[in-house]
Amino acid sequence: MNKADLIATLADKTGNTKKDAEVFVNEFLGTIQTALVKGDKVQLIGFGTFETRKRAARQGRNPRKPDEVMTIKASTAPVFKAGKALKDAVNK
């Protein structure tokens, strides 16, 4: 399922227009993104948790030149951890 499919499904299930469903999905995702940028955690009980994790700088190899060692910068990565209810539903 892609974003367009999600919007169409939400519109059908809620009885709203696709335009209204698209606004909702965009605002929902934007709100999660804003929270993660601030460093906050977003917990949806029964579904999962969106959070960020720091990645330390590390050494790596250039795939085009395997002998060349390069430094990969430290970064912050968004992470999703599935909740118990979601895991149970998927593993039925």
PDB file of N, CA and C in Angstrom:
ATOM      1  N   MET A   1       0.852  -1.175   0.000  1.00  0.00           N
ATOM      2  CA  MET A   1       0.000   0.000   0.000  1.00  0.00           C
ATOM      3  C   MET A   1       0.893   1.233   0.000  1.00  0.00           C
ATOM      4  N   ASN A   2       0.605   2.142  -0.894  1.00  0.00           N
ATOM      5  CA  ASN A   2       1.339   3.402  -0.920  1.00  0.00           C
ATOM      6  C   ASN A   2       0.456   4.520  -0.341  1.00  0.00           C
ATOM      7  N   LYS A   3       0.963   5.752  -0.360  1.00  0.00           N
ATOM      8  CA  LYS A   3       0.246   6.867   0.257  1.00  0.00           C
ATOM      9  C   LYS A   3      -1.112   7.105  -0.420  1.00  0.00           C
ATOM     10  N   ALA A   4      -1.167   7.014  -1.732  1.00  0.00           N
ATOM     11  CA  ALA A   4      -2.425   7.227  -2.453  1.00  0.00           C
ATOM     12  C   ALA A   4      -3.457   6.161  -2.082  1.00  0.00           C
ATOM     13  N   ASP A   5      -3.000   4.905  -1.936  1.00  0.00           N
ATOM     14  CA  ASP A   5      -3.897   3.829  -1.523  1.00  0.00           C
ATOM     15  C   ASP A   5      -4.412   4.061  -0.104  1.00  0.00           C
ATOM     16  N   LEU A   6      -3.531   4.514   0.773  1.00  0.00           N
ATOM     17  CA  LEU A   6      -3.919   4.813   2.150  1.00  0.00           C
ATOM     18  C   LEU A   6      -4.985   5.907   2.184  1.00  0.00           C
ATOM     19  N   ILE A   7      -4.779   6.953   1.410  1.00  0.00           N
ATOM     20  CA  ILE A   7      -5.736   8.062   1.354  1.00  0.00           C
ATOM     21  C   ILE A   7      -7.087   7.573   0.832  1.00  0.00           C
ATOM     22  N   ALA A   8      -7.072   6.777  -0.222  1.00  0.00           N
ATOM     23  CA  ALA A   8      -8.321   6.263  -0.790  1.00  0.00           C
ATOM     24  C   ALA A   8      -9.048   5.361   0.216  1.00  0.00           C
ATOM     25  N   THR A   9      -8.317   4.509   0.925  1.00  0.00           N
ATOM     26  CA  THR A   9      -8.921   3.621   1.912  1.00  0.00           C
ATOM     27  C   THR A   9      -9.524   4.415   3.067  1.00  0.00           C
ATOM     28  N   LEU A  10      -8.785   5.418   3.560  1.00  0.00           N
ATOM     29  CA  LEU A  10      -9.313   6.259   4.640  1.00  0.00           C
ATOM     30  C   LEU A  10     -10.562   7.007   4.202  1.00  0.00           C
ATOM     31  N   ALA A  11     -10.566   7.510   2.987  1.00  0.00           N
ATOM     32  CA  ALA A  11     -11.735   8.229   2.471  1.00  0.00           C
ATOM     33  C   ALA A  11     -12.951   7.301   2.421  1.00  0.00           C
ATOM     34  N   ASP A  12     -12.751   6.080   1.953  1.00  0.00           N
ATOM     35  CA  ASP A  12     -13.857   5.115   1.877  1.00  0.00           C
ATOM     36  C   ASP A  12     -14.380   4.743   3.262  1.00  0.00           C
ATOM     37  N   LYS A  13     -13.471   4.466   4.181  1.00  0.00           N
ATOM     38  CA  LYS A  13     -13.878   4.005   5.517  1.00  0.00           C
ATOM     39  C   LYS A  13     -14.510   5.096   6.370  1.00  0.00           C
ATOM     40  N   THR A  14     -14.112   6.351   6.152  1.00  0.00           N
ATOM     41  CA  THR A  14     -14.653   7.442   6.970  1.00  0.00           C
ATOM     42  C   THR A  14     -15.805   8.173   6.302  1.00  0.00           C
ATOM     43  N   GLY A  15     -16.001   7.946   5.008  1.00  0.00           N
ATOM     44  CA  GLY A  15     -17.064   8.643   4.293  1.00  0.00           C
ATOM     45  C   GLY A  15     -16.681  10.063   3.914  1.00  0.00           C
ATOM     46  N   ASN A  16     -15.415  10.412   4.085  1.00  0.00           N
ATOM     47  CA  ASN A  16     -14.935  11.738   3.698  1.00  0.00           C
ATOM     48  C   ASN A  16     -14.428  11.704   2.261  1.00  0.00           C
ATOM     49  N   THR A  17     -14.134  12.880   1.737  1.00  0.00           N
ATOM     50  CA  THR A  17     -13.580  12.955   0.388  1.00  0.00           C
ATOM     51  C   THR A  17     -12.105  12.577   0.433  1.00  0.00           C
ATOM     52  N   LYS A  18     -11.572  12.255  -0.736  1.00  0.00           N
ATOM     53  CA  LYS A  18     -10.139  11.961  -0.818  1.00  0.00           C
ATOM     54  C   LYS A  18      -9.317  13.193  -0.445  1.00  0.00           C
ATOM     55  N   LYS A  19      -9.817  14.359  -0.788  1.00  0.00           N
ATOM     56  CA  LYS A  19      -9.117  15.605  -0.472  1.00  0.00           C
ATOM     57  C   LYS A  19      -8.995  15.771   1.046  1.00  0.00           C
ATOM     58  N   ASP A  20     -10.094  15.523   1.782  1.00  0.00           N
ATOM     59  CA  ASP A  20     -10.066  15.625   3.238  1.00  0.00           C
ATOM     60  C   ASP A  20      -9.138  14.573   3.842  1.00  0.00           C
ATOM     61  N   ALA A  21      -9.176  13.364   3.304  1.00  0.00           N
ATOM     62  CA  ALA A  21      -8.309  12.291   3.794  1.00  0.00           C
ATOM     63  C   ALA A  21      -6.841  12.626   3.533  1.00  0.00           C
ATOM     64  N   GLU A  22      -6.572  13.229   2.378  1.00  0.00           N
ATOM     65  CA  GLU A  22      -5.196  13.616   2.053  1.00  0.00           C
ATOM     66  C   GLU A  22      -4.688  14.684   3.014  1.00  0.00           C
ATOM     67  N   VAL A  23      -5.529  15.654   3.333  1.00  0.00           N
ATOM     68  CA  VAL A  23      -5.146  16.697   4.296  1.00  0.00           C
ATOM     69  C   VAL A  23      -4.833  16.062   5.645  1.00  0.00           C
ATOM     70  N   PHE A  24      -5.686  15.137   6.078  1.00  0.00           N
ATOM     71  CA  PHE A  24      -5.467  14.464   7.363  1.00  0.00           C
ATOM     72  C   PHE A  24      -4.149  13.696   7.372  1.00  0.00           C
ATOM     73  N   VAL A  25      -3.905  12.890   6.346  1.00  0.00           N
ATOM     74  CA  VAL A  25      -2.675  12.089   6.287  1.00  0.00           C
ATOM     75  C   VAL A  25      -1.450  12.990   6.272  1.00  0.00           C
ATOM     76  N   ASN A  26      -1.478  14.049   5.473  1.00  0.00           N
ATOM     77  CA  ASN A  26      -0.341  14.966   5.406  1.00  0.00           C
ATOM     78  C   ASN A  26      -0.087  15.653   6.742  1.00  0.00           C
ATOM     79  N   GLU A  27      -1.140  16.084   7.422  1.00  0.00           N
ATOM     80  CA  GLU A  27      -0.981  16.727   8.730  1.00  0.00           C
ATOM     81  C   GLU A  27      -0.488  15.738   9.776  1.00  0.00           C
ATOM     82  N   PHE A  28      -0.994  14.510   9.734  1.00  0.00           N
ATOM     83  CA  PHE A  28      -0.569  13.467  10.667  1.00  0.00           C
ATOM     84  C   PHE A  28       0.923  13.198  10.513  1.00  0.00           C
ATOM     85  N   LEU A  29       1.359  12.987   9.285  1.00  0.00           N
ATOM     86  CA  LEU A  29       2.773  12.712   9.037  1.00  0.00           C
ATOM     87  C   LEU A  29       3.643  13.926   9.355  1.00  0.00           C
ATOM     88  N   GLY A  30       3.149  15.108   9.042  1.00  0.00           N
ATOM     89  CA  GLY A  30       3.886  16.333   9.353  1.00  0.00           C
ATOM     90  C   GLY A  30       4.049  16.544  10.850  1.00  0.00           C
ATOM     91  N   THR A  31       3.025  16.200  11.612  1.00  0.00           N
ATOM     92  CA  THR A  31       3.081  16.328  13.067  1.00  0.00           C
ATOM     93  C   THR A  31       4.115  15.364  13.648  1.00  0.00           C
ATOM     94  N   ILE A  32       4.145  14.156  13.148  1.00  0.00           N
ATOM     95  CA  ILE A  32       5.151  13.190  13.607  1.00  0.00           C
ATOM     96  C   ILE A  32       6.551  13.683  13.240  1.00  0.00           C
ATOM     97  N   GLN A  33       6.718  14.176  12.035  1.00  0.00           N
ATOM     98  CA  GLN A  33       8.017  14.682  11.593  1.00  0.00           C
ATOM     99  C   GLN A  33       8.477  15.852  12.455  1.00  0.00           C
ATOM    100  N   THR A  34       7.579  16.775  12.744  1.00  0.00           N
ATOM    101  CA  THR A  34       7.924  17.933  13.579  1.00  0.00           C
ATOM    102  C   THR A  34       8.368  17.497  14.964  1.00  0.00           C
ATOM    103  N   ALA A  35       7.667  16.541  15.545  1.00  0.00           N
ATOM    104  CA  ALA A  35       8.028  16.037  16.871  1.00  0.00           C
ATOM    105  C   ALA A  35       9.405  15.387  16.849  1.00  0.00           C
ATOM    106  N   LEU A  36       9.695  14.601  15.821  1.00  0.00           N
ATOM    107  CA  LEU A  36      10.993  13.942  15.727  1.00  0.00           C
ATOM    108  C   LEU A  36      12.121  14.948  15.529  1.00  0.00           C
ATOM    109  N   VAL A  37      11.873  15.986  14.750  1.00  0.00           N
ATOM    110  CA  VAL A  37      12.878  17.027  14.541  1.00  0.00           C
ATOM    111  C   VAL A  37      13.216  17.716  15.866  1.00  0.00           C
ATOM    112  N   LYS A  38      12.205  17.903  16.719  1.00  0.00           N
ATOM    113  CA  LYS A  38      12.421  18.508  18.038  1.00  0.00           C
ATOM    114  C   LYS A  38      13.120  17.548  19.002  1.00  0.00           C
ATOM    115  N   GLY A  39      13.191  16.273  18.646  1.00  0.00           N
ATOM    116  CA  GLY A  39      13.799  15.283  19.521  1.00  0.00           C
ATOM    117  C   GLY A  39      12.798  14.580  20.410  1.00  0.00           C
ATOM    118  N   ASP A  40      11.500  14.812  20.176  1.00  0.00           N
ATOM    119  CA  ASP A  40      10.452  14.166  20.964  1.00  0.00           C
ATOM    120  C   ASP A  40      10.186  12.759  20.443  1.00  0.00           C
ATOM    121  N   LYS A  41       9.538  11.976  21.279  1.00  0.00           N
ATOM    122  CA  LYS A  41       9.130  10.616  20.933  1.00  0.00           C
ATOM    123  C   LYS A  41       7.621  10.638  20.715  1.00  0.00           C
ATOM    124  N   VAL A  42       7.120   9.919  19.716  1.00  0.00           N
ATOM    125  CA  VAL A  42       5.687   9.826  19.451  1.00  0.00           C
ATOM    126  C   VAL A  42       5.253   8.387  19.727  1.00  0.00           C
ATOM    127  N   GLN A  43       4.444   8.202  20.783  1.00  0.00           N
ATOM    128  CA  GLN A  43       3.974   6.877  21.158  1.00  0.00           C
ATOM    129  C   GLN A  43       2.502   6.734  20.825  1.00  0.00           C
ATOM    130  N   LEU A  44       2.179   5.718  20.052  1.00  0.00           N
ATOM    131  CA  LEU A  44       0.801   5.384  19.739  1.00  0.00           C
ATOM    132  C   LEU A  44       0.553   4.018  20.368  1.00  0.00           C
ATOM    133  N   ILE A  45      -0.073   4.019  21.540  1.00  0.00           N
ATOM    134  CA  ILE A  45      -0.258   2.795  22.304  1.00  0.00           C
ATOM    135  C   ILE A  45      -0.949   1.741  21.455  1.00  0.00           C
ATOM    136  N   GLY A  46      -0.390   0.554  21.432  1.00  0.00           N
ATOM    137  CA  GLY A  46      -0.934  -0.551  20.651  1.00  0.00           C
ATOM    138  C   GLY A  46      -0.424  -0.588  19.222  1.00  0.00           C
ATOM    139  N   PHE A  47       0.145   0.514  18.751  1.00  0.00           N
ATOM    140  CA  PHE A  47       0.657   0.549  17.378  1.00  0.00           C
ATOM    141  C   PHE A  47       2.181   0.557  17.361  1.00  0.00           C
ATOM    142  N   GLY A  48       2.770   1.562  18.004  1.00  0.00           N
ATOM    143  CA  GLY A  48       4.226   1.626  18.030  1.00  0.00           C
ATOM    144  C   GLY A  48       4.735   2.986  18.438  1.00  0.00           C
ATOM    145  N   THR A  49       6.044   3.126  18.379  1.00  0.00           N
ATOM    146  CA  THR A  49       6.716   4.349  18.811  1.00  0.00           C
ATOM    147  C   THR A  49       7.652   4.837  17.718  1.00  0.00           C
ATOM    148  N   PHE A  50       7.556   6.122  17.419  1.00  0.00           N
ATOM    149  CA  PHE A  50       8.487   6.785  16.514  1.00  0.00           C
ATOM    150  C   PHE A  50       9.465   7.559  17.396  1.00  0.00           C
ATOM    151  N   GLU A  51      10.761   7.405  17.144  1.00  0.00           N
ATOM    152  CA  GLU A  51      11.760   8.143  17.907  1.00  0.00           C
ATOM    153  C   GLU A  51      13.007   8.319  17.056  1.00  0.00           C
ATOM    154  N   THR A  52      13.976   9.051  17.584  1.00  0.00           N
ATOM    155  CA  THR A  52      15.244   9.230  16.884  1.00  0.00           C
ATOM    156  C   THR A  52      16.358   8.613  17.709  1.00  0.00           C
ATOM    157  N   ARG A  53      17.365   8.166  17.023  1.00  0.00           N
ATOM    158  CA  ARG A  53      18.548   7.610  17.681  1.00  0.00           C
ATOM    159  C   ARG A  53      19.784   8.230  17.056  1.00  0.00           C
ATOM    160  N   LYS A  54      20.758   8.493  17.898  1.00  0.00           N
ATOM    161  CA  LYS A  54      22.026   9.061  17.437  1.00  0.00           C
ATOM    162  C   LYS A  54      22.909   7.944  16.896  1.00  0.00           C
ATOM    163  N   ARG A  55      23.544   8.217  15.790  1.00  0.00           N
ATOM    164  CA  ARG A  55      24.533   7.301  15.220  1.00  0.00           C
ATOM    165  C   ARG A  55      25.888   7.986  15.334  1.00  0.00           C
ATOM    166  N   ALA A  56      26.846   7.311  15.916  1.00  0.00           N
ATOM    167  CA  ALA A  56      28.187   7.873  16.086  1.00  0.00           C
ATOM    168  C   ALA A  56      28.920   7.886  14.746  1.00  0.00           C
ATOM    169  N   ALA A  57      29.921   8.752  14.652  1.00  0.00           N
ATOM    170  CA  ALA A  57      30.771   8.760  13.462  1.00  0.00           C
ATOM    171  C   ALA A  57      31.539   7.440  13.432  1.00  0.00           C
ATOM    172  N   ARG A  58      31.806   6.951  12.233  1.00  0.00           N
ATOM    173  CA  ARG A  58      32.507   5.672  12.122  1.00  0.00           C
ATOM    174  C   ARG A  58      33.308   5.632  10.828  1.00  0.00           C
ATOM    175  N   GLN A  59      34.190   4.655  10.765  1.00  0.00           N
ATOM    176  CA  GLN A  59      35.005   4.458   9.564  1.00  0.00           C
ATOM    177  C   GLN A  59      34.270   3.521   8.614  1.00  0.00           C
ATOM    178  N   GLY A  60      34.388   3.784   7.328  1.00  0.00           N
ATOM    179  CA  GLY A  60      33.767   2.941   6.323  1.00  0.00           C
ATOM    180  C   GLY A  60      34.666   2.834   5.109  1.00  0.00           C
ATOM    181  N   ARG A  61      34.248   2.054   4.161  1.00  0.00           N
ATOM    182  CA  ARG A  61      35.029   1.866   2.932  1.00  0.00           C
ATOM    183  C   ARG A  61      34.219   2.356   1.743  1.00  0.00           C
ATOM    184  N   ASN A  62      34.905   2.966   0.809  1.00  0.00           N
ATOM    185  CA  ASN A  62      34.287   3.409  -0.429  1.00  0.00           C
ATOM    186  C   ASN A  62      34.083   2.173  -1.306  1.00  0.00           C
ATOM    187  N   PRO A  63      32.825   1.833  -1.674  1.00  0.00           N
ATOM    188  CA  PRO A  63      32.594   0.629  -2.482  1.00  0.00           C
ATOM    189  C   PRO A  63      33.295   0.665  -3.846  1.00  0.00           C
ATOM    190  N   ARG A  64      33.521   1.856  -4.373  1.00  0.00           N
ATOM    191  CA  ARG A  64      34.196   1.952  -5.678  1.00  0.00           C
ATOM    192  C   ARG A  64      35.704   1.800  -5.558  1.00  0.00           C
ATOM    193  N   LYS A  65      36.236   2.147  -4.369  1.00  0.00           N
ATOM    194  CA  LYS A  65      37.669   2.022  -4.120  1.00  0.00           C
ATOM    195  C   LYS A  65      37.830   1.339  -2.759  1.00  0.00           C
ATOM    196  N   PRO A  66      37.751   0.023  -2.696  1.00  0.00           N
ATOM    197  CA  PRO A  66      37.758  -0.707  -1.416  1.00  0.00           C
ATOM    198  C   PRO A  66      38.961  -0.426  -0.528  1.00  0.00           C
ATOM    199  N   ASP A  67      40.071   0.014  -1.091  1.00  0.00           N
ATOM    200  CA  ASP A  67      41.254   0.308  -0.276  1.00  0.00           C
ATOM    201  C   ASP A  67      41.132   1.652   0.437  1.00  0.00           C
ATOM    202  N   GLU A  68      40.208   2.490  -0.002  1.00  0.00           N
ATOM    203  CA  GLU A  68      40.063   3.838   0.557  1.00  0.00           C
ATOM    204  C   GLU A  68      39.166   3.805   1.798  1.00  0.00           C
ATOM    205  N   VAL A  69      39.726   4.259   2.930  1.00  0.00           N
ATOM    206  CA  VAL A  69      38.963   4.349   4.172  1.00  0.00           C
ATOM    207  C   VAL A  69      38.434   5.770   4.282  1.00  0.00           C
ATOM    208  N   MET A  70      37.160   5.877   4.634  1.00  0.00           N
ATOM    209  CA  MET A  70      36.548   7.206   4.757  1.00  0.00           C
ATOM    210  C   MET A  70      35.799   7.303   6.074  1.00  0.00           C
ATOM    211  N   THR A  71      35.581   8.523   6.537  1.00  0.00           N
ATOM    212  CA  THR A  71      34.845   8.743   7.770  1.00  0.00           C
ATOM    213  C   THR A  71      33.394   9.051   7.437  1.00  0.00           C
ATOM    214  N   ILE A  72      32.500   8.306   8.060  1.00  0.00           N
ATOM    215  CA  ILE A  72      31.066   8.551   7.897  1.00  0.00           C
ATOM    216  C   ILE A  72      30.641   9.421   9.072  1.00  0.00           C
ATOM    217  N   LYS A  73      30.051  10.562   8.789  1.00  0.00           N
ATOM    218  CA  LYS A  73      29.679  11.535   9.827  1.00  0.00           C
ATOM    219  C   LYS A  73      28.639  10.978  10.793  1.00  0.00           C
ATOM    220  N   ALA A  74      28.628  11.527  12.002  1.00  0.00           N
ATOM    221  CA  ALA A  74      27.587  11.205  12.975  1.00  0.00           C
ATOM    222  C   ALA A  74      26.260  11.723  12.438  1.00  0.00           C
ATOM    223  N   SER A  75      25.184  11.041  12.773  1.00  0.00           N
ATOM    224  CA  SER A  75      23.867  11.471  12.301  1.00  0.00           C
ATOM    225  C   SER A  75      22.784  11.052  13.284  1.00  0.00           C
ATOM    226  N   THR A  76      21.606  11.549  13.044  1.00  0.00           N
ATOM    227  CA  THR A  76      20.435  11.164  13.813  1.00  0.00           C
ATOM    228  C   THR A  76      19.484  10.449  12.863  1.00  0.00           C
ATOM    229  N   ALA A  77      19.028   9.255  13.253  1.00  0.00           N
ATOM    230  CA  ALA A  77      18.176   8.451  12.376  1.00  0.00           C
ATOM    231  C   ALA A  77      16.791   8.279  12.993  1.00  0.00           C
ATOM    232  N   PRO A  78      15.719   8.439  12.200  1.00  0.00           N
ATOM    233  CA  PRO A  78      14.386   8.151  12.703  1.00  0.00           C
ATOM    234  C   PRO A  78      14.191   6.632  12.791  1.00  0.00           C
ATOM    235  N   VAL A  79      13.512   6.193  13.854  1.00  0.00           N
ATOM    236  CA  VAL A  79      13.318   4.763  14.095  1.00  0.00           C
ATOM    237  C   VAL A  79      11.861   4.519  14.474  1.00  0.00           C
ATOM    238  N   PHE A  80      11.302   3.407  13.998  1.00  0.00           N
ATOM    239  CA  PHE A  80       9.964   2.991  14.407  1.00  0.00           C
ATOM    240  C   PHE A  80      10.073   1.656  15.102  1.00  0.00           C
ATOM    241  N   LYS A  81       9.487   1.557  16.286  1.00  0.00           N
ATOM    242  CA  LYS A  81       9.466   0.298  17.030  1.00  0.00           C
ATOM    243  C   LYS A  81       8.009  -0.114  17.172  1.00  0.00           C
ATOM    244  N   ALA A  82       7.663  -1.267  16.610  1.00  0.00           N
ATOM    245  CA  ALA A  82       6.283  -1.753  16.633  1.00  0.00           C
ATOM    246  C   ALA A  82       5.856  -2.114  18.046  1.00  0.00           C
ATOM    247  N   GLY A  83       4.597  -1.807  18.381  1.00  0.00           N
ATOM    248  CA  GLY A  83       4.025  -2.151  19.676  1.00  0.00           C
ATOM    249  C   GLY A  83       3.558  -3.596  19.699  1.00  0.00           C
ATOM    250  N   LYS A  84       3.257  -4.083  20.889  1.00  0.00           N
ATOM    251  CA  LYS A  84       2.862  -5.480  21.076  1.00  0.00           C
ATOM    252  C   LYS A  84       1.603  -5.831  20.277  1.00  0.00           C
ATOM    253  N   ALA A  85       0.591  -4.976  20.306  1.00  0.00           N
ATOM    254  CA  ALA A  85      -0.657  -5.264  19.594  1.00  0.00           C
ATOM    255  C   ALA A  85      -0.423  -5.382  18.094  1.00  0.00           C
ATOM    256  N   LEU A  86       0.422  -4.521  17.527  1.00  0.00           N
ATOM    257  CA  LEU A  86       0.730  -4.581  16.098  1.00  0.00           C
ATOM    258  C   LEU A  86       1.501  -5.861  15.782  1.00  0.00           C
ATOM    259  N   LYS A  87       2.472  -6.196  16.614  1.00  0.00           N
ATOM    260  CA  LYS A  87       3.239  -7.432  16.399  1.00  0.00           C
ATOM    261  C   LYS A  87       2.318  -8.646  16.454  1.00  0.00           C
ATOM    262  N   ASP A  88       1.433  -8.673  17.439  1.00  0.00           N
ATOM    263  CA  ASP A  88       0.504  -9.798  17.568  1.00  0.00           C
ATOM    264  C   ASP A  88      -0.425  -9.899  16.363  1.00  0.00           C
ATOM    265  N   ALA A  89      -0.917  -8.767  15.865  1.00  0.00           N
ATOM    266  CA  ALA A  89      -1.822  -8.772  14.717  1.00  0.00           C
ATOM    267  C   ALA A  89      -1.118  -9.291  13.461  1.00  0.00           C
ATOM    268  N   VAL A  90       0.143  -8.913  13.284  1.00  0.00           N
ATOM    269  CA  VAL A  90       0.904  -9.331  12.100  1.00  0.00           C
ATOM    270  C   VAL A  90       1.261 -10.808  12.188  1.00  0.00           C
ATOM    271  N   ASN A  91       1.477 -11.304  13.388  1.00  0.00           N
ATOM    272  CA  ASN A  91       1.915 -12.697  13.560  1.00  0.00           C
ATOM    273  C   ASN A  91       0.782 -13.678  13.779  1.00  0.00           C
ATOM    274  N   LYS A  92      -0.461 -13.298  13.543  1.00  0.00           N
ATOM    275  CA  LYS A  92      -1.593 -14.221  13.698  1.00  0.00           C
ATOM    276  C   LYS A  92      -1.555 -15.292  12.662  1.00  0.00           C
TER     277      LYS A  92
END
